[in-house]
Amino acid sequence: LYLTALSICNELIALSSSSPRSVIVKSKTLSSLARRIIHSQRLLDGSVPISQSQLQRTNEPYVIPCVGVNEYRRTIPYILRPGNDVIEVGCHFGRTTTLLNDAVNANSAKGLCVGVDIGPKIVATARKEHPSIPFEVVDAWKTLELLKIKVKHEHNAASTNLGYDVVYADIGGLSGANGLLESLALLDALGNALQPSCIVIKSLCMNRLASQLVAFSNVWNKIHRNENSSL
């Protein structure tokens, strides 16, 4: 339903003779997303920090939208910790995946890092260039296959800890201005199936949404703090 609500809002804004200053939407799901989505620049400049106690695995994880590969990679020390299990969906030739692998295996920890991509030739190149990291050919939307990869490469064969601590996603088509609804649908699918603590996604349209979407509870609390400080 919230995808429909966003679609209707976009249509109304597009049809308006002048852009509205704000659009108020009554949606519990959108409000939840507004509290979980963090603009990458706010994370990187420290204005919205995320503590490790906040990074708990759930089907409603934090979402960090990034623009450009450099910004995407700069989030790694803010999100990953040694020993984490991480998957990169849309790994391409595995250059970012190697950075993720280094982060989860730092300090002699034994984290799990896997990279997946839909292109067999791309994955073959990634395997050749980075033979110590597992790469698989998988469609990002086939979330059951993503879970099977975790079982296949899990260090502890007896582990019942399905899913991943963190998901990184760099998928072509999600960075365009028209990729918003598809991005949100993919985030829902990954969140519900893999239950990570955080999804870092390289997407211009999601980055724009992060700068526009505000939970009214945050606005209300800010107003009350200002009122109390003036007393």
C-alpha atoms as a PDB file:
ATOM      1  CA  LEU A   1       0.000   0.000   0.000  1.00  0.00           C
ATOM      2  CA  TYR A   2       2.768   2.462   0.773  1.00  0.00           C
ATOM      3  CA  LEU A   3       4.208   1.909  -2.703  1.00  0.00           C
ATOM      4  CA  THR A   4       0.837   2.937  -4.090  1.00  0.00           C
ATOM      5  CA  ALA A   5       0.780   5.967  -1.784  1.00  0.00           C
ATOM      6  CA  LEU A   6       4.210   7.076  -3.001  1.00  0.00           C
ATOM      7  CA  SER A   7       3.199   6.542  -6.608  1.00  0.00           C
ATOM      8  CA  ILE A   8       0.078   8.689  -6.137  1.00  0.00           C
ATOM      9  CA  CYS A   9       2.130  11.415  -4.418  1.00  0.00           C
ATOM     10  CA  ASN A  10       4.587  11.465  -7.317  1.00  0.00           C
ATOM     11  CA  GLU A  11       1.728  11.773  -9.804  1.00  0.00           C
ATOM     12  CA  LEU A  12       0.088  14.605  -7.844  1.00  0.00           C
ATOM     13  CA  ILE A  13       3.359  16.503  -7.628  1.00  0.00           C
ATOM     14  CA  ALA A  14       3.973  16.005 -11.345  1.00  0.00           C
ATOM     15  CA  LEU A  15       0.492  17.314 -12.189  1.00  0.00           C
ATOM     16  CA  SER A  16       0.708  20.335  -9.879  1.00  0.00           C
ATOM     17  CA  SER A  17       1.323  23.709 -11.511  1.00  0.00           C
ATOM     18  CA  SER A  18       3.769  24.490  -8.704  1.00  0.00           C
ATOM     19  CA  SER A  19       5.583  22.052  -6.430  1.00  0.00           C
ATOM     20  CA  PRO A  20       3.927  21.759  -2.984  1.00  0.00           C
ATOM     21  CA  ARG A  21       6.016  22.611   0.062  1.00  0.00           C
ATOM     22  CA  SER A  22       5.031  19.329   1.698  1.00  0.00           C
ATOM     23  CA  VAL A  23       2.793  16.308   1.187  1.00  0.00           C
ATOM     24  CA  ILE A  24       1.305  14.690   4.299  1.00  0.00           C
ATOM     25  CA  VAL A  25       0.556  10.974   3.988  1.00  0.00           C
ATOM     26  CA  LYS A  26      -1.187   8.834   6.596  1.00  0.00           C
ATOM     27  CA  SER A  27       0.796   5.584   6.420  1.00  0.00           C
ATOM     28  CA  LYS A  28       2.273   3.521   9.242  1.00  0.00           C
ATOM     29  CA  THR A  29       4.654   1.762   6.842  1.00  0.00           C
ATOM     30  CA  LEU A  30       5.897   5.016   5.319  1.00  0.00           C
ATOM     31  CA  SER A  31       6.396   6.460   8.789  1.00  0.00           C
ATOM     32  CA  SER A  32       8.457   3.392   9.734  1.00  0.00           C
ATOM     33  CA  LEU A  33      10.564   3.763   6.594  1.00  0.00           C
ATOM     34  CA  ALA A  34      11.110   7.459   7.334  1.00  0.00           C
ATOM     35  CA  ARG A  35      12.577   6.560  10.738  1.00  0.00           C
ATOM     36  CA  ARG A  36      14.827   3.872   9.235  1.00  0.00           C
ATOM     37  CA  ILE A  37      16.139   5.518   6.084  1.00  0.00           C
ATOM     38  CA  ILE A  38      19.299   7.575   6.610  1.00  0.00           C
ATOM     39  CA  HIS A  39      20.841   9.779   3.948  1.00  0.00           C
ATOM     40  CA  SER A  40      24.420   8.619   3.371  1.00  0.00           C
ATOM     41  CA  GLN A  41      25.882  12.096   3.895  1.00  0.00           C
ATOM     42  CA  ARG A  42      24.215  12.342   7.318  1.00  0.00           C
ATOM     43  CA  LEU A  43      25.823   9.049   8.286  1.00  0.00           C
ATOM     44  CA  LEU A  44      29.248  10.018   6.948  1.00  0.00           C
ATOM     45  CA  ASP A  45      29.344  13.487   8.516  1.00  0.00           C
ATOM     46  CA  GLY A  46      28.189  12.138  11.887  1.00  0.00           C
ATOM     47  CA  SER A  47      24.966  14.149  12.076  1.00  0.00           C
ATOM     48  CA  VAL A  48      22.959  10.891  12.250  1.00  0.00           C
ATOM     49  CA  PRO A  49      25.217   8.271  13.838  1.00  0.00           C
ATOM     50  CA  ILE A  50      24.248   4.600  14.111  1.00  0.00           C
ATOM     51  CA  SER A  51      25.514   2.714  17.158  1.00  0.00           C
ATOM     52  CA  GLN A  52      26.117  -1.026  17.140  1.00  0.00           C
ATOM     53  CA  SER A  53      23.308  -1.435  19.669  1.00  0.00           C
ATOM     54  CA  GLN A  54      20.933  -0.014  17.051  1.00  0.00           C
ATOM     55  CA  LEU A  55      22.071  -2.483  14.396  1.00  0.00           C
ATOM     56  CA  GLN A  56      19.820  -5.398  15.244  1.00  0.00           C
ATOM     57  CA  ARG A  57      18.669  -7.876  12.635  1.00  0.00           C
ATOM     58  CA  THR A  58      15.041  -7.396  11.645  1.00  0.00           C
ATOM     59  CA  ASN A  59      12.705  -7.461   8.655  1.00  0.00           C
ATOM     60  CA  GLU A  60      12.637  -3.652   8.893  1.00  0.00           C
ATOM     61  CA  PRO A  61      16.345  -2.797   8.703  1.00  0.00           C
ATOM     62  CA  TYR A  62      18.049   0.555   8.441  1.00  0.00           C
ATOM     63  CA  VAL A  63      18.432   1.711   4.839  1.00  0.00           C
ATOM     64  CA  ILE A  64      21.427   3.780   3.714  1.00  0.00           C
ATOM     65  CA  PRO A  65      21.024   5.085   0.131  1.00  0.00           C
ATOM     66  CA  CYS A  66      24.222   6.226  -1.582  1.00  0.00           C
ATOM     67  CA  VAL A  67      25.144   8.052  -4.767  1.00  0.00           C
ATOM     68  CA  GLY A  68      28.284   6.878  -6.552  1.00  0.00           C
ATOM     69  CA  VAL A  69      30.637   4.025  -5.790  1.00  0.00           C
ATOM     70  CA  ASN A  70      32.965   6.069  -3.570  1.00  0.00           C
ATOM     71  CA  GLU A  71      30.150   7.072  -1.223  1.00  0.00           C
ATOM     72  CA  TYR A  72      28.869   3.487  -1.292  1.00  0.00           C
ATOM     73  CA  ARG A  73      32.260   2.174  -0.151  1.00  0.00           C
ATOM     74  CA  ARG A  74      32.828   4.903   2.454  1.00  0.00           C
ATOM     75  CA  THR A  75      29.914   3.548   4.504  1.00  0.00           C
ATOM     76  CA  ILE A  76      31.746   0.269   5.208  1.00  0.00           C
ATOM     77  CA  PRO A  77      33.529   1.239   8.474  1.00  0.00           C
ATOM     78  CA  TYR A  78      30.316   2.819   9.791  1.00  0.00           C
ATOM     79  CA  ILE A  79      28.194  -0.289   9.239  1.00  0.00           C
ATOM     80  CA  LEU A  80      30.315  -3.447   9.224  1.00  0.00           C
ATOM     81  CA  ARG A  81      32.115  -5.080  12.126  1.00  0.00           C
ATOM     82  CA  PRO A  82      34.569  -8.003  12.221  1.00  0.00           C
ATOM     83  CA  GLY A  83      32.693 -11.290  12.288  1.00  0.00           C
ATOM     84  CA  ASN A  84      29.630 -10.004  10.414  1.00  0.00           C
ATOM     85  CA  ASP A  85      28.009 -11.942   7.585  1.00  0.00           C
ATOM     86  CA  VAL A  86      27.567  -9.704   4.537  1.00  0.00           C
ATOM     87  CA  ILE A  87      26.369 -10.193   0.982  1.00  0.00           C
ATOM     88  CA  GLU A  88      26.814  -7.821  -1.936  1.00  0.00           C
ATOM     89  CA  VAL A  89      23.965  -8.072  -4.418  1.00  0.00           C
ATOM     90  CA  GLY A  90      25.157  -6.779  -7.765  1.00  0.00           C
ATOM     91  CA  CYS A  91      28.849  -7.360  -7.044  1.00  0.00           C
ATOM     92  CA  HIS A  92      30.059  -6.736 -10.613  1.00  0.00           C
ATOM     93  CA  PHE A  93      33.790  -7.605 -10.744  1.00  0.00           C
ATOM     94  CA  GLY A  94      34.068  -7.848  -6.946  1.00  0.00           C
ATOM     95  CA  ARG A  95      36.074  -4.728  -6.151  1.00  0.00           C
ATOM     96  CA  THR A  96      33.696  -3.524  -3.445  1.00  0.00           C
ATOM     97  CA  THR A  97      33.174  -7.112  -2.295  1.00  0.00           C
ATOM     98  CA  THR A  98      36.880  -7.376  -1.457  1.00  0.00           C
ATOM     99  CA  LEU A  99      36.585  -4.319   0.802  1.00  0.00           C
ATOM    100  CA  LEU A 100      33.575  -5.870   2.517  1.00  0.00           C
ATOM    101  CA  ASN A 101      35.509  -9.123   2.924  1.00  0.00           C
ATOM    102  CA  ASP A 102      38.458  -7.301   4.509  1.00  0.00           C
ATOM    103  CA  ALA A 103      36.130  -5.540   6.960  1.00  0.00           C
ATOM    104  CA  VAL A 104      34.350  -8.663   8.233  1.00  0.00           C
ATOM    105  CA  ASN A 105      37.574 -10.662   8.504  1.00  0.00           C
ATOM    106  CA  ALA A 106      39.644  -7.970  10.233  1.00  0.00           C
ATOM    107  CA  ASN A 107      41.385  -8.654  13.557  1.00  0.00           C
ATOM    108  CA  SER A 108      41.461 -12.422  12.926  1.00  0.00           C
ATOM    109  CA  ALA A 109      37.652 -12.570  12.914  1.00  0.00           C
ATOM    110  CA  LYS A 110      35.876 -15.090  10.695  1.00  0.00           C
ATOM    111  CA  GLY A 111      33.076 -13.253   9.006  1.00  0.00           C
ATOM    112  CA  LEU A 112      31.356 -14.380   5.841  1.00  0.00           C
ATOM    113  CA  CYS A 113      31.332 -12.284   2.672  1.00  0.00           C
ATOM    114  CA  VAL A 114      29.790 -13.394  -0.611  1.00  0.00           C
ATOM    115  CA  GLY A 115      29.150 -11.559  -3.850  1.00  0.00           C
ATOM    116  CA  VAL A 116      26.342 -12.286  -6.298  1.00  0.00           C
ATOM    117  CA  ASP A 117      25.509 -10.979  -9.736  1.00  0.00           C
ATOM    118  CA  ILE A 118      23.088 -11.950 -12.475  1.00  0.00           C
ATOM    119  CA  GLY A 119      25.794 -12.040 -15.190  1.00  0.00           C
ATOM    120  CA  PRO A 120      27.714 -15.336 -15.552  1.00  0.00           C
ATOM    121  CA  LYS A 121      30.651 -13.670 -17.349  1.00  0.00           C
ATOM    122  CA  ILE A 122      30.855 -10.969 -14.683  1.00  0.00           C
ATOM    123  CA  VAL A 123      30.916 -13.566 -11.912  1.00  0.00           C
ATOM    124  CA  ALA A 124      33.545 -15.614 -13.769  1.00  0.00           C
ATOM    125  CA  THR A 125      35.785 -12.531 -13.907  1.00  0.00           C
ATOM    126  CA  ALA A 126      35.196 -11.792 -10.212  1.00  0.00           C
ATOM    127  CA  ARG A 127      36.138 -15.362  -9.290  1.00  0.00           C
ATOM    128  CA  LYS A 128      39.307 -15.136 -11.375  1.00  0.00           C
ATOM    129  CA  GLU A 129      40.384 -11.795  -9.903  1.00  0.00           C
ATOM    130  CA  HIS A 130      39.427 -12.617  -6.289  1.00  0.00           C
ATOM    131  CA  PRO A 131      39.717 -16.411  -5.846  1.00  0.00           C
ATOM    132  CA  SER A 132      39.539 -16.309  -2.035  1.00  0.00           C
ATOM    133  CA  ILE A 133      36.011 -14.827  -2.036  1.00  0.00           C
ATOM    134  CA  PRO A 134      32.909 -16.829  -3.022  1.00  0.00           C
ATOM    135  CA  PHE A 135      30.936 -15.420  -5.943  1.00  0.00           C
ATOM    136  CA  GLU A 136      27.680 -16.847  -7.291  1.00  0.00           C
ATOM    137  CA  VAL A 137      25.339 -16.206 -10.213  1.00  0.00           C
ATOM    138  CA  VAL A 138      22.014 -15.208  -8.650  1.00  0.00           C
ATOM    139  CA  ASP A 139      19.147 -12.844  -9.460  1.00  0.00           C
ATOM    140  CA  ALA A 140      18.687 -10.332  -6.613  1.00  0.00           C
ATOM    141  CA  TRP A 141      14.940 -10.977  -6.582  1.00  0.00           C
ATOM    142  CA  LYS A 142      15.406 -14.712  -5.910  1.00  0.00           C
ATOM    143  CA  THR A 143      15.833 -14.294  -2.186  1.00  0.00           C
ATOM    144  CA  LEU A 144      15.607 -18.027  -1.427  1.00  0.00           C
ATOM    145  CA  GLU A 145      18.721 -18.528  -3.555  1.00  0.00           C
ATOM    146  CA  LEU A 146      20.475 -15.815  -1.543  1.00  0.00           C
ATOM    147  CA  LEU A 147      19.690 -17.775   1.628  1.00  0.00           C
ATOM    148  CA  LYS A 148      20.960 -21.015   0.072  1.00  0.00           C
ATOM    149  CA  ILE A 149      24.278 -19.323  -0.685  1.00  0.00           C
ATOM    150  CA  LYS A 150      24.661 -18.503   3.019  1.00  0.00           C
ATOM    151  CA  VAL A 151      24.181 -22.177   3.893  1.00  0.00           C
ATOM    152  CA  LYS A 152      26.600 -23.251   1.163  1.00  0.00           C
ATOM    153  CA  HIS A 153      29.450 -21.030   2.300  1.00  0.00           C
ATOM    154  CA  GLU A 154      28.778 -20.815   6.054  1.00  0.00           C
ATOM    155  CA  HIS A 155      31.964 -21.458   8.090  1.00  0.00           C
ATOM    156  CA  ASN A 156      29.961 -23.254  10.748  1.00  0.00           C
ATOM    157  CA  ALA A 157      27.992 -25.975   8.975  1.00  0.00           C
ATOM    158  CA  ALA A 158      25.771 -26.466  12.035  1.00  0.00           C
ATOM    159  CA  SER A 159      24.780 -22.794  12.219  1.00  0.00           C
ATOM    160  CA  THR A 160      21.068 -22.004  12.220  1.00  0.00           C
ATOM    161  CA  ASN A 161      21.682 -18.276  11.768  1.00  0.00           C
ATOM    162  CA  LEU A 162      20.036 -17.771   8.393  1.00  0.00           C
ATOM    163  CA  GLY A 163      20.228 -14.502   6.508  1.00  0.00           C
ATOM    164  CA  TYR A 164      22.911 -11.840   6.725  1.00  0.00           C
ATOM    165  CA  ASP A 165      23.900  -9.111   9.155  1.00  0.00           C
ATOM    166  CA  VAL A 166      24.299  -6.542   6.381  1.00  0.00           C
ATOM    167  CA  VAL A 167      23.327  -6.359   2.698  1.00  0.00           C
ATOM    168  CA  TYR A 168      25.054  -4.140   0.132  1.00  0.00           C
ATOM    169  CA  ALA A 169      23.150  -3.644  -3.126  1.00  0.00           C
ATOM    170  CA  ASP A 170      24.475  -2.119  -6.350  1.00  0.00           C
ATOM    171  CA  ILE A 171      21.996  -3.060  -9.047  1.00  0.00           C
ATOM    172  CA  GLY A 172      21.726  -1.446 -12.442  1.00  0.00           C
ATOM    173  CA  GLY A 173      18.432   0.336 -13.068  1.00  0.00           C
ATOM    174  CA  LEU A 174      17.877   1.310  -9.429  1.00  0.00           C
ATOM    175  CA  SER A 175      19.912   4.506  -9.663  1.00  0.00           C
ATOM    176  CA  GLY A 176      17.717   6.207 -12.230  1.00  0.00           C
ATOM    177  CA  ALA A 177      15.071   8.770 -11.408  1.00  0.00           C
ATOM    178  CA  ASN A 178      12.333   6.258 -12.255  1.00  0.00           C
ATOM    179  CA  GLY A 179      13.674   3.400 -10.136  1.00  0.00           C
ATOM    180  CA  LEU A 180      12.108   4.405  -6.817  1.00  0.00           C
ATOM    181  CA  LEU A 181       9.226   1.924  -6.643  1.00  0.00           C
ATOM    182  CA  GLU A 182      11.387  -0.932  -7.889  1.00  0.00           C
ATOM    183  CA  SER A 183      14.052  -0.057  -5.308  1.00  0.00           C
ATOM    184  CA  LEU A 184      11.509  -0.043  -2.482  1.00  0.00           C
ATOM    185  CA  ALA A 185      10.061  -3.372  -3.622  1.00  0.00           C
ATOM    186  CA  LEU A 186      13.545  -4.912  -3.661  1.00  0.00           C
ATOM    187  CA  LEU A 187      14.325  -3.511  -0.201  1.00  0.00           C
ATOM    188  CA  ASP A 188      11.133  -5.110   1.105  1.00  0.00           C
ATOM    189  CA  ALA A 189      12.036  -8.449  -0.459  1.00  0.00           C
ATOM    190  CA  LEU A 190      15.594  -8.419   0.911  1.00  0.00           C
ATOM    191  CA  GLY A 191      14.494  -7.227   4.345  1.00  0.00           C
ATOM    192  CA  ASN A 192      11.772  -9.843   4.774  1.00  0.00           C
ATOM    193  CA  ALA A 193      13.870 -12.747   3.475  1.00  0.00           C
ATOM    194  CA  LEU A 194      17.348 -11.977   4.807  1.00  0.00           C
ATOM    195  CA  GLN A 195      16.446  -9.928   7.921  1.00  0.00           C
ATOM    196  CA  PRO A 196      19.647  -7.861   8.034  1.00  0.00           C
ATOM    197  CA  SER A 197      20.361  -5.013  10.425  1.00  0.00           C
ATOM    198  CA  CYS A 198      21.084  -2.667   7.533  1.00  0.00           C
ATOM    199  CA  ILE A 199      20.848  -2.458   3.742  1.00  0.00           C
ATOM    200  CA  VAL A 200      23.242  -0.108   1.954  1.00  0.00           C
ATOM    201  CA  ILE A 201      21.928   0.588  -1.544  1.00  0.00           C
ATOM    202  CA  LYS A 202      23.493   2.584  -4.376  1.00  0.00           C
ATOM    203  CA  SER A 203      20.515   4.446  -5.797  1.00  0.00           C
ATOM    204  CA  LEU A 204      20.043   8.094  -6.706  1.00  0.00           C
ATOM    205  CA  CYS A 205      16.257   7.968  -6.372  1.00  0.00           C
ATOM    206  CA  MET A 206      16.461   6.365  -2.912  1.00  0.00           C
ATOM    207  CA  ASN A 207      19.018   8.968  -1.885  1.00  0.00           C
ATOM    208  CA  ARG A 208      16.589  11.700  -2.916  1.00  0.00           C
ATOM    209  CA  LEU A 209      13.791  10.003  -0.989  1.00  0.00           C
ATOM    210  CA  ALA A 210      15.985   9.951   2.117  1.00  0.00           C
ATOM    211  CA  SER A 211      16.347  13.734   1.918  1.00  0.00           C
ATOM    212  CA  GLN A 212      12.588  14.260   1.467  1.00  0.00           C
ATOM    213  CA  LEU A 213      10.859  11.658   3.639  1.00  0.00           C
ATOM    214  CA  VAL A 214      10.305  12.758   7.241  1.00  0.00           C
ATOM    215  CA  ALA A 215       8.340  10.976   9.960  1.00  0.00           C
ATOM    216  CA  PHE A 216       5.855  13.383  11.545  1.00  0.00           C
ATOM    217  CA  SER A 217       6.840  12.081  14.993  1.00  0.00           C
ATOM    218  CA  ASN A 218      10.299  13.580  14.409  1.00  0.00           C
ATOM    219  CA  VAL A 219       8.779  16.940  13.470  1.00  0.00           C
ATOM    220  CA  TRP A 220       6.439  16.845  16.469  1.00  0.00           C
ATOM    221  CA  ASN A 221       9.258  15.996  18.896  1.00  0.00           C
ATOM    222  CA  LYS A 222      11.414  18.793  17.493  1.00  0.00           C
ATOM    223  CA  ILE A 223       8.595  21.321  17.945  1.00  0.00           C
ATOM    224  CA  HIS A 224       8.084  20.255  21.556  1.00  0.00           C
ATOM    225  CA  ARG A 225      11.819  20.408  22.308  1.00  0.00           C
ATOM    226  CA  ASN A 226      11.935  23.960  20.942  1.00  0.00           C
ATOM    227  CA  GLU A 227       8.863  24.932  22.989  1.00  0.00           C
ATOM    228  CA  ASN A 228      10.329  23.485  26.179  1.00  0.00           C
ATOM    229  CA  SER A 229      13.697  25.173  25.632  1.00  0.00           C
ATOM    230  CA  SER A 230      11.992  28.548  25.273  1.00  0.00           C
ATOM    231  CA  LEU A 231      10.188  28.252  28.629  1.00  0.00           C
END
